[in-house]
Amino acid sequence: MKINEQEIREVSRARLAGEGVPTCDALPLFGRAVTPRSSGQVAERVVALYALVGLAHDADPGKLIRWLEGARCDKALTGEERGLFQKERVSHDEEKKLSWLQEAIYLLMWAGSRVGELPPAQGECDLDAILPLIPPEVSVADFRRSVVIRPTPELVVEADYLYQLHWAIRHPEVWHGEVEYQKLSRDVVIERRRAIEWILNRRLAWWDIPLDT
């Protein structure tokens, strides 16, 4: 879909300025050609991520993978992720990595029009607030039907916003002595950025999304 690169940048820049976040004119525009994933792919990824977060909270891996297979959402797992369900218990580092996926779930739910807005990137999201909207609280079939991907320009604006926000977090020197950047969570921004860029590029696998700034 053809989008106006400069217009996208202006929208995200205005939003960041309103939040007191420095921006960088040198960053490449995010309006390059995008190939958004389908609503079904996003819905299935949400279900898969929910199961992965379950592993970080000591849920039974055998039950989780059987549930995913029965719901035909196991195909949304990467090969590495599928291997985690073969373990009796994930490691501490894996547990930490998986727990942050709740931020990606929230982003995908927003992108799929299931939540109205994203919470500020200043701390962990309250996943409990949206659990009633996610299987197994609702049927997988109903959930698939309920997910409707937002318009591509809206997704690209969010991607550019997170791109710029990630840059600002990595460069505290541009804040001119301000401490506002310390309120932002790098991990929250990274997981949301990975999720939105995954939606916009169906050619790349989840863990292959480049997160350079």
Protein backbone atom coordinates (compact mmCIF):
# COMPACT_ATOMS: atom_id res chain seq x y z
CA MET A 1 0.00 0.00 0.00
CA LYS A 2 1.34 3.42 -0.95
CA ILE A 3 1.65 5.77 2.01
CA ASN A 4 3.03 9.27 2.48
CA GLU A 5 6.36 8.81 4.27
CA GLN A 6 6.78 12.42 5.31
CA GLU A 7 3.23 12.67 6.58
CA ILE A 8 3.75 9.57 8.72
CA ARG A 9 6.90 11.09 10.22
CA GLU A 10 5.17 14.40 10.96
CA VAL A 11 2.35 12.66 12.79
CA SER A 12 4.66 10.59 14.98
CA ARG A 13 6.98 13.56 15.56
CA ALA A 14 4.09 15.70 16.77
CA ARG A 15 3.03 12.97 19.16
CA LEU A 16 6.55 12.62 20.57
CA ALA A 17 6.91 16.39 20.91
CA GLY A 18 3.70 16.45 22.92
CA GLU A 19 5.24 13.89 25.26
CA GLY A 20 8.50 15.84 25.54
CA VAL A 21 10.51 13.19 23.70
CA PRO A 22 13.41 14.27 21.44
CA THR A 23 13.32 13.09 17.83
CA CYS A 24 15.96 12.42 15.20
CA ASP A 25 15.57 13.73 11.65
CA ALA A 26 18.34 11.39 10.48
CA LEU A 27 16.37 8.22 11.15
CA PRO A 28 15.09 6.61 7.94
CA LEU A 29 11.45 7.22 7.19
CA PHE A 30 9.24 4.27 8.05
CA GLY A 31 6.99 4.67 5.04
CA ARG A 32 8.81 2.10 2.95
CA ALA A 33 6.78 -0.62 1.25
CA VAL A 34 4.98 -2.73 3.81
CA THR A 35 3.27 -6.11 3.50
CA PRO A 36 0.88 -6.36 6.46
CA ARG A 37 -0.11 -9.72 7.85
CA SER A 38 -3.70 -10.89 7.91
CA SER A 39 -6.08 -10.59 10.83
CA GLY A 40 -6.01 -14.37 11.18
CA GLN A 41 -2.22 -14.42 11.49
CA VAL A 42 -2.32 -11.74 14.16
CA ALA A 43 -5.06 -13.55 16.09
CA GLU A 44 -3.15 -16.83 16.04
CA ARG A 45 0.05 -15.12 17.14
CA VAL A 46 -1.77 -13.62 20.13
CA VAL A 47 -2.90 -17.10 21.18
CA ALA A 48 0.60 -18.50 20.71
CA LEU A 49 2.16 -15.67 22.72
CA TYR A 50 -0.38 -16.17 25.50
CA ALA A 51 0.73 -19.80 25.77
CA LEU A 52 4.38 -18.72 25.83
CA VAL A 53 3.70 -16.26 28.62
CA GLY A 54 2.06 -19.17 30.43
CA LEU A 55 5.40 -20.99 30.37
CA ALA A 56 6.90 -18.07 32.28
CA HIS A 57 4.28 -18.60 34.97
CA ASP A 58 4.82 -22.35 35.48
CA ALA A 59 1.87 -23.51 33.38
CA ASP A 60 2.03 -27.14 32.23
CA PRO A 61 3.89 -27.09 28.87
CA GLY A 62 2.26 -30.33 27.69
CA LYS A 63 -1.23 -28.98 28.24
CA LEU A 64 -0.35 -25.70 26.58
CA ILE A 65 1.02 -27.24 23.39
CA ARG A 66 -1.92 -29.63 23.14
CA TRP A 67 -4.25 -26.68 23.50
CA LEU A 68 -2.43 -24.79 20.74
CA GLU A 69 -2.49 -27.82 18.46
CA GLY A 70 -6.20 -28.37 19.08
CA ALA A 71 -6.88 -24.72 18.28
CA ARG A 72 -4.63 -24.93 15.18
CA CYS A 73 -2.55 -22.06 16.50
CA ASP A 74 0.67 -24.03 16.97
CA LYS A 75 1.74 -23.01 13.46
CA ALA A 76 2.12 -19.48 14.82
CA LEU A 77 5.09 -20.67 16.91
CA THR A 78 8.67 -20.42 15.69
CA GLY A 79 10.78 -23.57 15.78
CA GLU A 80 12.68 -22.30 18.81
CA GLU A 81 9.46 -21.49 20.63
CA ARG A 82 8.01 -24.94 19.94
CA GLY A 83 11.09 -26.46 21.56
CA LEU A 84 10.32 -24.65 24.81
CA PHE A 85 7.18 -26.75 25.23
CA GLN A 86 9.32 -29.88 25.22
CA LYS A 87 11.11 -28.76 28.38
CA GLU A 88 10.02 -29.69 31.86
CA ARG A 89 10.73 -26.12 32.88
CA VAL A 90 12.16 -23.07 31.11
CA SER A 91 15.36 -21.48 32.40
CA HIS A 92 15.43 -18.24 34.37
CA ASP A 93 16.63 -16.30 31.32
CA GLU A 94 13.93 -17.87 29.14
CA GLU A 95 11.31 -17.08 31.76
CA LYS A 96 12.36 -13.43 31.80
CA LYS A 97 12.31 -13.24 28.00
CA LEU A 98 8.88 -14.86 27.78
CA SER A 99 7.33 -12.68 30.46
CA TRP A 100 7.99 -9.56 28.39
CA LEU A 101 5.86 -10.99 25.57
CA GLN A 102 2.83 -9.60 27.38
CA GLU A 103 3.77 -6.24 25.86
CA ALA A 104 3.66 -7.77 22.39
CA ILE A 105 0.25 -9.28 23.16
CA TYR A 106 -1.10 -5.87 24.13
CA LEU A 107 0.30 -4.31 20.95
CA LEU A 108 -1.21 -7.03 18.76
CA MET A 109 -4.56 -6.63 20.52
CA TRP A 110 -4.43 -2.92 19.77
CA ALA A 111 -3.44 -3.54 16.15
CA GLY A 112 -6.29 -6.02 15.86
CA SER A 113 -8.83 -3.45 17.13
CA ARG A 114 -9.51 -5.40 20.33
CA VAL A 115 -8.32 -2.59 22.63
CA GLY A 116 -8.79 1.11 22.03
CA GLU A 117 -5.38 2.42 23.02
CA LEU A 118 -1.99 1.36 24.30
CA PRO A 119 -0.87 2.26 27.83
CA PRO A 120 2.16 4.57 28.11
CA ALA A 121 5.55 2.87 27.70
CA GLN A 122 6.55 3.72 31.25
CA GLY A 123 6.04 0.35 32.86
CA GLU A 124 4.60 -3.10 32.31
CA CYS A 125 1.10 -3.25 30.89
CA ASP A 126 -1.77 -4.72 32.90
CA LEU A 127 -2.44 -7.86 30.88
CA ASP A 128 -5.13 -8.91 33.36
CA ALA A 129 -7.30 -6.09 32.01
CA ILE A 130 -7.60 -7.74 28.58
CA LEU A 131 -7.47 -11.44 29.49
CA PRO A 132 -11.29 -11.76 29.18
CA LEU A 133 -10.87 -10.94 25.49
CA ILE A 134 -8.28 -13.67 24.78
CA PRO A 135 -8.69 -17.45 24.48
CA PRO A 136 -9.33 -19.58 26.44
CA GLU A 137 -11.70 -17.00 28.01
CA VAL A 138 -13.37 -16.81 24.59
CA SER A 139 -13.37 -19.44 21.88
CA VAL A 140 -10.53 -19.35 19.39
CA ALA A 141 -13.03 -19.24 16.52
CA ASP A 142 -14.80 -16.19 17.98
CA PHE A 143 -11.49 -14.54 18.71
CA ARG A 144 -10.29 -14.98 15.13
CA ARG A 145 -13.48 -13.35 13.87
CA SER A 146 -13.16 -10.45 16.32
CA VAL A 147 -9.66 -9.40 15.24
CA VAL A 148 -9.73 -6.72 12.53
CA ILE A 149 -6.41 -5.15 11.57
CA ARG A 150 -6.31 -1.37 11.80
CA PRO A 151 -5.64 0.65 8.61
CA THR A 152 -2.03 0.34 7.44
CA PRO A 153 -1.17 4.07 7.82
CA GLU A 154 -2.26 3.89 11.48
CA LEU A 155 0.02 0.91 12.04
CA VAL A 156 2.94 2.63 10.31
CA VAL A 157 2.51 5.74 12.45
CA GLU A 158 2.76 3.56 15.56
CA ALA A 159 5.82 1.80 14.15
CA ASP A 160 7.55 5.10 13.44
CA TYR A 161 6.62 6.40 16.88
CA LEU A 162 8.14 3.34 18.57
CA TYR A 163 11.20 3.54 16.33
CA GLN A 164 11.82 7.14 17.37
CA LEU A 165 11.04 6.36 21.01
CA HIS A 166 13.54 3.50 20.99
CA TRP A 167 16.18 5.83 19.55
CA ALA A 168 15.52 8.44 22.26
CA ILE A 169 15.84 5.85 25.03
CA ARG A 170 19.17 4.67 23.64
CA HIS A 171 20.50 8.23 23.49
CA PRO A 172 19.97 9.89 26.90
CA GLU A 173 22.43 12.63 25.94
CA VAL A 174 19.84 14.21 23.62
CA TRP A 175 17.51 14.91 26.52
CA HIS A 176 19.60 17.89 27.63
CA GLY A 177 19.79 16.86 31.25
CA GLU A 178 16.12 15.97 31.52
CA VAL A 179 15.19 12.81 33.40
CA GLU A 180 11.92 12.04 31.62
CA TYR A 181 13.58 9.27 29.60
CA GLN A 182 14.22 7.39 32.85
CA LYS A 183 10.48 6.86 33.17
CA LEU A 184 10.37 4.97 29.88
CA SER A 185 10.89 1.22 29.76
CA ARG A 186 13.31 0.04 27.10
CA ASP A 187 11.96 -3.52 27.30
CA VAL A 188 8.38 -2.35 26.81
CA VAL A 189 9.34 -0.32 23.74
CA ILE A 190 11.41 -3.15 22.24
CA GLU A 191 8.65 -5.76 22.54
CA ARG A 192 6.01 -3.44 21.15
CA ARG A 193 8.29 -2.40 18.32
CA ARG A 194 9.04 -6.03 17.44
CA ALA A 195 5.32 -6.79 17.35
CA ILE A 196 4.30 -3.87 15.16
CA GLU A 197 7.15 -4.41 12.71
CA TRP A 198 6.30 -8.12 12.55
CA ILE A 199 2.77 -7.19 11.52
CA LEU A 200 4.06 -4.88 8.81
CA ASN A 201 6.56 -7.32 7.30
CA ARG A 202 5.28 -10.81 6.58
CA ARG A 203 8.64 -11.79 5.11
CA LEU A 204 10.44 -11.78 8.47
CA ALA A 205 10.01 -14.20 11.37
CA TRP A 206 9.28 -12.83 14.84
CA TRP A 207 12.79 -13.08 16.26
CA ASP A 208 14.41 -11.90 13.01
CA ILE A 209 12.90 -8.40 13.18
CA PRO A 210 15.83 -5.91 13.15
CA LEU A 211 15.62 -3.54 16.11
CA ASP A 212 18.48 -1.21 15.28
CA THR A 213 18.22 2.54 15.83
